[in-house]
């Protein structure tokens, strides 16, 4: 949806439960290992216990029904369930070195790039990660049946749950991010914008629809047909772009069947295939700041990179960012020069999986390396550090996570893509000035809604 700096040496946190997962193999886990999902590990593979200092609490089922504000109504902006929380402290350019072991290199770079304005308010860590019970049930089943295929370009033996809750290598952990639960059908109008060095921007309003076919409650692995997601977007404003549509079929094994994309151009009044909408193809409207596989922190085929599981670490990541999506804020309250307004952000200390992707020899991409920090309680990437072909840190992307507690699921409220070299950034998902936020449904429109022929009909209305 749907960017050399000072940092201390890395210390990985490996619990007795997670020692089991370091062996590199393509096989599913044993039934004995899977039983850890009912004891030491949460149902999706996180460590139930908090850290030794108590800063990260135990996981006790995630957000509770009692936490959900009584005033919440489906479709509206999510009221903050923790309005009384105040920052414990704030990391600034004056003290970030004190906390650098709990920061990504990209976060450290932002303090160097914007020493007078970039800040990270640190709040109490709340392990709000929770999912529907059917996800837990299917994940437990998948753990002993899921296997990578075609050198990791896809997997088999899993459906409607995380395929690798106890990952044995980087690509298994990455697949957990790619197929994580974000509802079954979601519809949302958002604003995207590229923010220039002087703070100027032109907002683009987009209506997005996503049918997460992998989680179709009436389907199973045999009915998947290699399609993970049906995605449709419609540009609403500005007038020069309004009326354009984009349709995508996100395939599971993109080496077997590449992503299918069609675009309706309002000027030409025709539907055309978009064969190059993958890998490092620039995203339209992002002014060169975002690649196709940057969207959602990472998406698409993983085949151009070698993925390594580097272990776990405690990192300050964006979490429970309800204040940031509040309808009480205007776009200009959030969008500032260099970065979004830190006053409205929230960071918490959480354990993350570190997955490092290095460009394979003979493969082409504008990034030589990408490092993903995956939240252990959701498998969603909260931070991605990106390196150019000189192996210099280039970009840092951050997903400002929150729990959509009516589902429930942890997902991004908005994504920010920083380019450290051009000192610009791109934001996707801002909806503060809109009357509605996101609409979820357990049923989706008919598949005919996501056909190219329907795209042509929609464009002619």
Protein backbone atom coordinates (compact mmCIF):
# COMPACT_ATOMS: atom_id res chain seq x y z
CA UNK A 1 0.00 0.00 0.00
CA UNK A 2 -1.18 0.06 0.04
CA UNK A 3 16.46 6.21 2.91
CA UNK A 4 29.85 6.40 6.78
CA UNK A 5 28.03 7.31 10.01
CA UNK A 6 28.83 6.62 13.64
CA UNK A 7 27.29 3.55 15.19
CA UNK A 8 28.51 1.13 17.79
CA UNK A 9 29.15 -2.51 17.15
CA UNK A 10 26.07 -4.69 16.83
CA UNK A 11 25.03 -6.99 19.64
CA UNK A 12 22.49 -9.60 18.67
CA UNK A 13 19.91 -10.95 21.07
CA UNK A 14 19.38 -14.68 20.62
CA UNK A 15 17.19 -16.47 23.16
CA UNK A 16 17.36 -20.15 23.98
CA UNK A 17 14.18 -20.61 21.94
CA UNK A 18 15.53 -18.87 18.88
CA UNK A 19 18.88 -20.70 18.81
CA UNK A 20 16.95 -23.40 16.99
CA UNK A 21 16.42 -21.22 13.94
CA UNK A 22 19.91 -20.34 12.81
CA UNK A 23 20.57 -23.45 10.72
CA UNK A 24 20.23 -22.72 7.01
CA UNK A 25 17.89 -25.23 5.44
CA UNK A 26 14.90 -25.23 3.17
CA UNK A 27 12.98 -27.84 5.15
CA UNK A 28 9.91 -27.18 7.29
CA UNK A 29 10.40 -27.28 11.06
CA UNK A 30 9.81 -30.45 13.05
CA UNK A 31 6.63 -30.99 15.10
CA UNK A 32 8.75 -30.60 18.23
CA UNK A 33 9.99 -27.20 17.08
CA UNK A 34 6.46 -26.15 16.14
CA UNK A 35 5.36 -26.80 19.73
CA UNK A 36 7.44 -23.78 20.74
CA UNK A 37 4.64 -21.68 19.21
CA UNK A 38 2.52 -22.79 22.15
CA UNK A 39 5.13 -22.23 24.85
CA UNK A 40 8.26 -20.09 24.60
CA UNK A 41 7.16 -18.37 21.40
CA UNK A 42 4.00 -16.50 20.48
CA UNK A 43 1.68 -18.11 17.90
CA UNK A 44 3.59 -16.33 15.09
CA UNK A 45 7.12 -16.93 16.40
CA UNK A 46 8.04 -13.95 18.60
CA UNK A 47 9.54 -14.44 22.06
CA UNK A 48 6.80 -14.34 24.68
CA UNK A 49 9.11 -13.04 27.41
CA UNK A 50 10.24 -9.46 27.51
CA UNK A 51 13.85 -8.38 27.81
CA UNK A 52 16.00 -8.53 30.94
CA UNK A 53 15.57 -4.85 31.81
CA UNK A 54 11.78 -4.91 31.57
CA UNK A 55 11.75 -2.17 28.94
CA UNK A 56 10.23 -4.69 26.53
CA UNK A 57 7.33 -6.38 28.35
CA UNK A 58 6.09 -9.93 28.06
CA UNK A 59 3.59 -10.63 25.27
CA UNK A 60 0.22 -11.36 26.82
CA UNK A 61 -1.97 -11.64 23.74
CA UNK A 62 -1.47 -8.16 22.33
CA UNK A 63 -3.98 -5.34 22.43
CA UNK A 64 -7.01 -6.15 24.55
CA UNK A 65 -10.67 -5.41 23.86
CA UNK A 66 -10.67 -3.25 26.97
CA UNK A 67 -8.02 -1.03 25.33
CA UNK A 68 -10.20 -0.22 22.31
CA UNK A 69 -11.79 3.23 22.69
CA UNK A 70 -15.57 2.96 23.02
CA UNK A 71 -16.03 5.84 20.57
CA UNK A 72 -14.37 3.97 17.69
CA UNK A 73 -16.53 3.26 14.65
CA UNK A 74 -15.32 1.20 11.65
CA UNK A 75 -14.00 3.37 8.84
CA UNK A 76 -13.06 6.34 11.00
CA UNK A 77 -9.56 7.35 12.06
CA UNK A 78 -8.44 5.11 14.92
CA UNK A 79 -8.65 6.90 18.29
CA UNK A 80 -5.53 6.55 20.40
CA UNK A 81 -6.08 3.76 22.97
CA UNK A 82 -3.25 5.19 25.09
CA UNK A 83 -3.90 8.96 25.17
CA UNK A 84 -2.28 9.39 28.59
CA UNK A 85 1.10 8.02 27.49
CA UNK A 86 3.86 10.62 27.54
CA UNK A 87 7.40 10.33 26.13
CA UNK A 88 9.83 8.70 28.54
CA UNK A 89 12.64 10.68 26.89
CA UNK A 90 13.57 12.09 23.50
CA UNK A 91 16.57 11.16 21.37
CA UNK A 92 18.14 14.17 19.66
CA UNK A 93 21.37 15.03 17.86
CA UNK A 94 22.82 15.87 21.29
CA UNK A 95 22.35 12.42 22.84
CA UNK A 96 21.82 9.91 20.02
CA UNK A 97 25.28 8.39 20.46
CA UNK A 98 24.18 7.24 23.89
CA UNK A 99 21.45 5.15 22.22
CA UNK A 100 23.17 4.25 18.95
CA UNK A 101 23.25 0.51 19.74
CA UNK A 102 19.44 0.63 19.58
CA UNK A 103 19.23 2.60 16.33
CA UNK A 104 19.59 1.59 12.70
CA UNK A 105 22.38 3.22 10.71
CA UNK A 106 19.71 5.02 8.73
CA UNK A 107 18.22 6.54 11.87
CA UNK A 108 21.69 7.66 12.97
CA UNK A 109 22.13 9.26 9.53
CA UNK A 110 18.97 11.31 10.02
CA UNK A 111 20.45 12.86 13.17
CA UNK A 112 23.54 13.84 11.20
CA UNK A 113 21.49 15.15 8.28
CA UNK A 114 19.00 17.19 10.33
CA UNK A 115 20.70 17.89 13.68
CA UNK A 116 18.45 20.81 14.58
CA UNK A 117 15.08 19.26 13.80
CA UNK A 118 15.05 15.45 13.72
CA UNK A 119 14.03 13.87 17.02
CA UNK A 120 12.70 10.53 18.24
CA UNK A 121 10.23 10.68 21.16
CA UNK A 122 10.54 7.35 23.02
CA UNK A 123 7.45 5.96 24.69
CA UNK A 124 6.64 2.99 26.89
CA UNK A 125 6.87 -0.19 24.85
CA UNK A 126 3.48 -1.79 24.36
CA UNK A 127 3.37 -5.18 22.68
CA UNK A 128 0.03 -4.59 21.02
CA UNK A 129 0.61 -7.13 18.25
CA UNK A 130 -2.45 -9.35 17.89
CA UNK A 131 -4.10 -11.28 15.07
CA UNK A 132 -7.32 -13.25 14.51
CA UNK A 133 -7.32 -16.78 15.90
CA UNK A 134 -7.48 -18.37 12.44
CA UNK A 135 -4.08 -16.83 11.65
CA UNK A 136 -2.60 -18.50 14.73
CA UNK A 137 -4.19 -21.83 13.84
CA UNK A 138 -2.98 -21.76 10.24
CA UNK A 139 0.50 -20.55 11.19
CA UNK A 140 0.94 -23.51 13.55
CA UNK A 141 -0.08 -25.83 10.72
CA UNK A 142 2.12 -24.05 8.16
CA UNK A 143 5.20 -24.35 10.38
CA UNK A 144 5.54 -28.08 9.69
CA UNK A 145 4.46 -28.04 6.03
CA UNK A 146 5.79 -24.85 4.39
CA UNK A 147 8.84 -25.16 2.16
CA UNK A 148 10.68 -22.79 -0.14
CA UNK A 149 10.62 -23.56 -3.86
CA UNK A 150 12.59 -22.36 -6.88
CA UNK A 151 15.57 -21.17 -4.81
CA UNK A 152 13.33 -19.16 -2.53
CA UNK A 153 11.35 -17.35 -5.22
CA UNK A 154 8.19 -18.84 -3.72
CA UNK A 155 6.92 -21.36 -1.20
CA UNK A 156 4.46 -24.20 -0.95
CA UNK A 157 2.61 -25.91 1.88
CA UNK A 158 1.17 -22.79 3.52
CA UNK A 159 -2.02 -20.76 3.34
CA UNK A 160 -3.76 -17.97 5.29
CA UNK A 161 -1.02 -17.69 7.91
CA UNK A 162 2.69 -17.06 8.27
CA UNK A 163 4.60 -19.74 6.34
CA UNK A 164 7.78 -19.66 8.44
CA UNK A 165 7.09 -18.59 12.04
CA UNK A 166 10.38 -20.20 13.07
CA UNK A 167 12.58 -19.06 10.15
CA UNK A 168 15.81 -20.83 9.38
CA UNK A 169 17.23 -18.23 7.00
CA UNK A 170 16.73 -14.71 5.73
CA UNK A 171 14.46 -15.48 2.83
CA UNK A 172 12.00 -17.35 5.04
CA UNK A 173 11.82 -14.34 7.37
CA UNK A 174 11.32 -12.07 4.35
CA UNK A 175 8.39 -14.16 3.14
CA UNK A 176 6.71 -13.67 6.52
CA UNK A 177 6.83 -9.92 5.87
CA UNK A 178 5.57 -10.22 2.30
CA UNK A 179 2.49 -12.31 3.15
CA UNK A 180 1.69 -10.91 6.61
CA UNK A 181 -1.97 -10.43 7.45
CA UNK A 182 -3.48 -7.02 6.61
CA UNK A 183 -7.11 -7.97 6.53
CA UNK A 184 -8.93 -9.70 3.68
CA UNK A 185 -10.21 -6.70 1.71
CA UNK A 186 -9.21 -3.10 2.40
CA UNK A 187 -10.27 0.15 0.74
CA UNK A 188 -8.67 3.47 1.51
CA UNK A 189 -8.18 6.97 0.10
CA UNK A 190 -4.72 8.35 0.82
CA UNK A 191 -2.52 11.28 -0.06
CA UNK A 192 1.01 10.76 -1.37
CA UNK A 193 3.58 13.48 -1.89
CA UNK A 194 7.24 14.08 -2.67
CA UNK A 195 8.59 16.71 -0.28
CA UNK A 196 11.30 18.91 -1.79
CA UNK A 197 14.30 20.39 0.01
CA UNK A 198 12.42 23.63 0.62
CA UNK A 199 9.36 21.82 1.98
CA UNK A 200 7.17 22.35 -1.07
CA UNK A 201 5.01 19.49 -2.31
CA UNK A 202 2.09 18.70 -4.59
CA UNK A 203 -0.34 16.26 -2.95
CA UNK A 204 -1.81 13.42 -4.99
CA UNK A 205 -4.98 11.74 -3.77
CA UNK A 206 -5.37 8.03 -4.54
CA UNK A 207 -8.17 5.56 -3.88
CA UNK A 208 -6.63 2.16 -3.17
CA UNK A 209 -8.26 -1.26 -2.97
CA UNK A 210 -6.49 -4.48 -2.00
CA UNK A 211 -7.95 -7.96 -1.92
CA UNK A 212 -5.53 -10.21 -0.04
CA UNK A 213 -6.33 -13.41 -1.92
CA UNK A 214 -3.89 -15.43 0.21
CA UNK A 215 -6.31 -14.94 3.12
CA UNK A 216 -9.53 -15.75 1.27
CA UNK A 217 -11.58 -17.58 3.96
CA UNK A 218 -13.35 -19.63 1.29
CA UNK A 219 -10.14 -20.75 -0.40
CA UNK A 220 -7.12 -22.93 0.25
CA UNK A 221 -3.65 -23.42 -1.20
CA UNK A 222 -5.01 -25.22 -4.27
CA UNK A 223 -7.30 -22.28 -5.13
CA UNK A 224 -4.57 -19.67 -4.73
CA UNK A 225 -3.50 -19.90 -8.41
CA UNK A 226 -0.20 -18.21 -7.52
CA UNK A 227 -1.99 -14.90 -6.77
CA UNK A 228 -1.32 -13.24 -3.40
CA UNK A 229 -3.03 -9.87 -3.87
CA UNK A 230 -5.37 -8.14 -6.29
CA UNK A 231 -4.65 -4.40 -6.15
CA UNK A 232 -6.47 -1.49 -7.78
CA UNK A 233 -5.71 2.23 -7.49
CA UNK A 234 -7.52 5.26 -8.88
CA UNK A 235 -6.00 8.76 -8.91
CA UNK A 236 -8.53 11.34 -7.72
CA UNK A 237 -6.48 14.55 -7.72
CA UNK A 238 -4.79 16.68 -9.05
CA UNK A 239 -6.91 17.23 -12.19
CA UNK A 240 -4.04 16.56 -14.60
CA UNK A 241 -3.71 13.00 -13.25
CA UNK A 242 -7.28 12.33 -12.17
CA UNK A 243 -9.01 9.35 -13.74
CA UNK A 244 -5.94 7.15 -14.19
CA UNK A 245 -6.12 3.58 -12.88
CA UNK A 246 -3.55 0.93 -12.05
CA UNK A 247 -4.39 -2.77 -11.66
CA UNK A 248 -1.94 -5.37 -10.32
CA UNK A 249 -1.98 -9.08 -9.68
CA UNK A 250 0.73 -9.75 -7.13
CA UNK A 251 1.97 -13.27 -7.77
CA UNK A 252 3.55 -15.52 -5.17
CA UNK A 253 6.31 -17.09 -7.29
CA UNK A 254 7.29 -14.31 -9.67
CA UNK A 255 9.87 -16.47 -11.37
CA UNK A 256 7.07 -18.81 -12.38
CA UNK A 257 4.72 -15.97 -13.31
CA UNK A 258 5.82 -12.32 -13.12
CA UNK A 259 3.57 -9.73 -11.53
CA UNK A 260 0.78 -8.73 -13.92
CA UNK A 261 0.04 -5.02 -14.26
CA UNK A 262 -2.30 -2.90 -16.34
CA UNK A 263 -2.69 0.87 -16.49
CA UNK A 264 -5.56 2.99 -17.75
CA UNK A 265 -4.36 6.38 -18.99
CA UNK A 266 -7.16 8.93 -18.98
CA UNK A 267 -5.51 10.93 -21.77
CA UNK A 268 -5.20 7.96 -24.11
CA UNK A 269 -8.41 6.31 -22.88
CA UNK A 270 -6.95 2.85 -23.20
CA UNK A 271 -5.73 0.02 -20.98
CA UNK A 272 -2.11 -0.97 -21.46
CA UNK A 273 0.07 -3.65 -19.92
CA UNK A 274 2.83 -2.37 -17.67
CA UNK A 275 5.53 -5.05 -18.09
CA UNK A 276 8.33 -3.30 -16.17
CA UNK A 277 6.47 -2.58 -12.92
CA UNK A 278 8.91 -4.46 -10.66
CA UNK A 279 12.29 -4.34 -8.90
CA UNK A 280 13.92 -0.89 -9.15
CA UNK A 281 11.46 0.65 -11.60
CA UNK A 282 10.69 4.14 -10.21
CA UNK A 283 7.25 4.62 -8.67
CA UNK A 284 5.09 7.09 -10.55
CA UNK A 285 4.45 10.30 -8.55
CA UNK A 286 7.40 9.60 -6.21
CA UNK A 287 9.80 11.92 -8.07
CA UNK A 288 12.52 9.26 -8.27
CA UNK A 289 12.59 8.67 -4.50
CA UNK A 290 10.99 5.22 -4.38
CA UNK A 291 11.39 2.01 -6.37
CA UNK A 292 8.57 -0.43 -7.02
CA UNK A 293 10.06 -2.93 -4.57
CA UNK A 294 10.39 -0.20 -1.89
CA UNK A 295 6.60 -0.06 -1.61
CA UNK A 296 5.36 -1.69 1.61
CA UNK A 297 9.03 -1.57 2.74
CA UNK A 298 9.67 -4.56 0.43
CA UNK A 299 7.49 -6.37 -2.06
CA UNK A 300 7.83 -8.55 -5.13
CA UNK A 301 10.31 -11.18 -6.10
CA UNK A 302 13.29 -11.63 -3.76
CA UNK A 303 15.44 -13.32 -6.42
CA UNK A 304 17.96 -10.51 -7.12
CA UNK A 305 19.37 -10.50 -3.58
CA UNK A 306 21.08 -12.97 -1.29
CA UNK A 307 19.17 -12.82 2.00
CA UNK A 308 20.83 -13.49 5.34
CA UNK A 309 19.20 -13.75 8.74
CA UNK A 310 21.48 -11.69 10.97
CA UNK A 311 19.72 -12.41 14.24
CA UNK A 312 17.67 -10.26 16.57
CA UNK A 313 18.27 -6.87 18.09
CA UNK A 314 16.47 -4.34 20.27
CA UNK A 315 15.72 -1.25 18.18
CA UNK A 316 13.64 1.90 18.67
CA UNK A 317 11.05 1.54 15.91
CA UNK A 318 7.90 3.52 15.03
CA UNK A 319 5.05 1.87 16.94
CA UNK A 320 1.48 2.64 18.04
CA UNK A 321 1.45 5.83 15.97
CA UNK A 322 -2.17 6.78 16.56
CA UNK A 323 -1.34 10.43 17.18
CA UNK A 324 0.23 10.68 13.74
CA UNK A 325 -2.99 9.63 11.96
CA UNK A 326 -5.29 11.86 14.00
CA UNK A 327 -7.92 13.86 12.05
CA UNK A 328 -7.07 16.77 14.35
CA UNK A 329 -3.88 17.24 12.33
CA UNK A 330 -3.58 18.86 8.91
CA UNK A 331 -1.11 17.78 6.24
CA UNK A 332 1.01 20.85 6.92
CA UNK A 333 1.18 19.90 10.60
CA UNK A 334 2.99 16.72 9.56
CA UNK A 335 4.98 17.53 6.42
CA UNK A 336 8.08 19.55 7.28
CA UNK A 337 11.44 20.22 5.63
CA UNK A 338 13.65 17.12 5.65
CA UNK A 339 11.29 14.82 7.56
CA UNK A 340 7.85 14.61 9.11
CA UNK A 341 7.12 16.55 12.29
CA UNK A 342 8.71 14.47 15.09
CA UNK A 343 6.32 15.93 17.68
CA UNK A 344 3.54 13.69 16.38
CA UNK A 345 5.59 10.47 16.14
CA UNK A 346 6.01 7.65 18.61
CA UNK A 347 8.93 5.21 18.88
CA UNK A 348 9.20 2.22 21.19
CA UNK A 349 11.91 -0.32 21.99
CA UNK A 350 11.06 -3.65 20.34
CA UNK A 351 12.91 -6.76 19.28
CA UNK A 352 13.34 -7.00 15.54
CA UNK A 353 14.65 -9.60 13.15
CA UNK A 354 17.46 -8.21 11.00
CA UNK A 355 17.39 -9.46 7.42
CA UNK A 356 20.19 -8.34 5.10
CA UNK A 357 19.85 -8.56 1.33
CA UNK A 358 23.00 -8.25 -0.81
CA UNK A 359 22.75 -7.88 -4.57
CA UNK A 360 23.72 -11.10 -6.36
CA UNK A 361 26.61 -11.09 -8.79
CA UNK A 362 25.37 -10.54 -12.31
CA UNK A 363 22.09 -9.02 -11.15
CA UNK A 364 21.12 -5.37 -11.63
CA UNK A 365 19.52 -3.05 -9.09
CA UNK A 366 20.11 0.51 -7.90
CA UNK A 367 20.63 -0.86 -4.37
CA UNK A 368 23.67 -2.96 -3.51
CA UNK A 369 22.29 -3.83 -0.10
CA UNK A 370 19.09 -3.47 1.87
CA UNK A 371 18.72 -4.17 5.59
CA UNK A 372 15.22 -4.83 6.89
CA UNK A 373 14.21 -4.57 10.55
CA UNK A 374 11.17 -6.81 11.03
CA UNK A 375 8.98 -6.33 14.10
CA UNK A 376 8.89 -9.70 15.88
CA UNK A 377 5.23 -9.31 16.86
CA UNK A 378 3.91 -8.72 13.34
CA UNK A 379 6.69 -9.60 10.86
CA UNK A 380 6.16 -6.16 9.32
CA UNK A 381 9.26 -4.21 8.31
CA UNK A 382 9.44 -1.06 10.45
CA UNK A 383 12.76 0.25 9.07
CA UNK A 384 14.77 -0.42 5.91
CA UNK A 385 18.31 0.91 5.36
CA UNK A 386 19.30 1.05 1.68
CA UNK A 387 22.78 1.29 0.16
CA UNK A 388 23.87 2.50 -3.27
CA UNK A 389 26.28 0.71 -5.60
CA UNK A 390 29.24 2.34 -3.86
CA UNK A 391 28.03 0.61 -0.66
CA UNK A 392 27.19 4.01 0.82
CA UNK A 393 24.05 4.48 2.90
CA UNK A 394 21.60 6.19 0.58
CA UNK A 395 18.04 5.91 1.82
CA UNK A 396 16.08 5.01 4.94
CA UNK A 397 12.43 3.99 4.84
CA UNK A 398 10.23 3.86 7.94
CA UNK A 399 6.73 2.45 8.42
CA UNK A 400 4.85 4.17 11.24
CA UNK A 401 3.08 1.13 12.66
CA UNK A 402 -0.11 0.88 14.68
CA UNK A 403 -2.64 -1.79 15.56
CA UNK A 404 -5.84 -1.74 13.52
CA UNK A 405 -7.62 -3.10 16.54
CA UNK A 406 -10.94 -3.93 14.88
CA UNK A 407 -9.21 -6.60 12.77
CA UNK A 408 -6.82 -6.89 14.68
CA UNK A 409 -3.51 -6.48 12.86
CA UNK A 410 -0.32 -4.42 13.05
CA UNK A 411 0.11 -2.42 9.85
CA UNK A 412 1.51 0.91 8.78
CA UNK A 413 -0.35 4.19 9.31
CA UNK A 414 1.89 5.87 6.77
CA UNK A 415 5.28 5.22 5.15
CA UNK A 416 8.13 7.71 4.82
CA UNK A 417 10.99 7.22 2.33
CA UNK A 418 14.05 9.42 3.02
CA UNK A 419 16.73 10.13 0.42
CA UNK A 420 19.82 11.20 2.36
CA UNK A 421 21.68 12.40 -0.72
CA UNK A 422 19.01 14.66 -2.22
CA UNK A 423 17.62 15.58 1.22
CA UNK A 424 14.08 14.95 0.03
CA UNK A 425 11.47 12.44 1.14
CA UNK A 426 8.31 10.77 -0.10
CA UNK A 427 5.30 10.07 2.08
CA UNK A 428 2.53 7.59 1.37
CA UNK A 429 -0.68 6.97 3.30
CA UNK A 430 -1.46 10.35 4.84
CA UNK A 431 -5.22 10.62 5.43
CA UNK A 432 -5.61 13.14 8.25
CA UNK A 433 -7.71 15.62 6.30
CA UNK A 434 -10.11 12.98 4.97
CA UNK A 435 -13.42 12.05 6.59
CA UNK A 436 -12.69 8.32 6.51
CA UNK A 437 -9.50 6.40 7.14
CA UNK A 438 -9.77 2.79 5.95
CA UNK A 439 -12.58 0.34 5.35
CA UNK A 440 -12.04 -3.38 5.99
CA UNK A 441 -14.31 -6.22 4.94
CA UNK A 442 -14.15 -9.97 5.36
CA UNK A 443 -15.51 -10.34 1.84
CA UNK A 444 -14.17 -8.74 -1.32
CA UNK A 445 -15.80 -7.62 -4.54
CA UNK A 446 -16.14 -10.28 -7.21
CA UNK A 447 -12.92 -11.09 -9.05
CA UNK A 448 -14.46 -9.44 -12.12
CA UNK A 449 -13.95 -6.15 -10.24
CA UNK A 450 -10.20 -6.72 -10.69
CA UNK A 451 -10.24 -7.60 -14.40
CA UNK A 452 -8.62 -5.42 -17.11
CA UNK A 453 -11.97 -5.18 -18.89
CA UNK A 454 -13.51 -3.68 -15.76
CA UNK A 455 -10.61 -1.23 -15.59
CA UNK A 456 -11.52 0.07 -19.03
CA UNK A 457 -15.15 0.48 -18.02
CA UNK A 458 -14.23 2.35 -14.83
CA UNK A 459 -11.98 4.73 -16.76
CA UNK A 460 -14.71 5.65 -19.21
CA UNK A 461 -17.25 6.65 -16.55
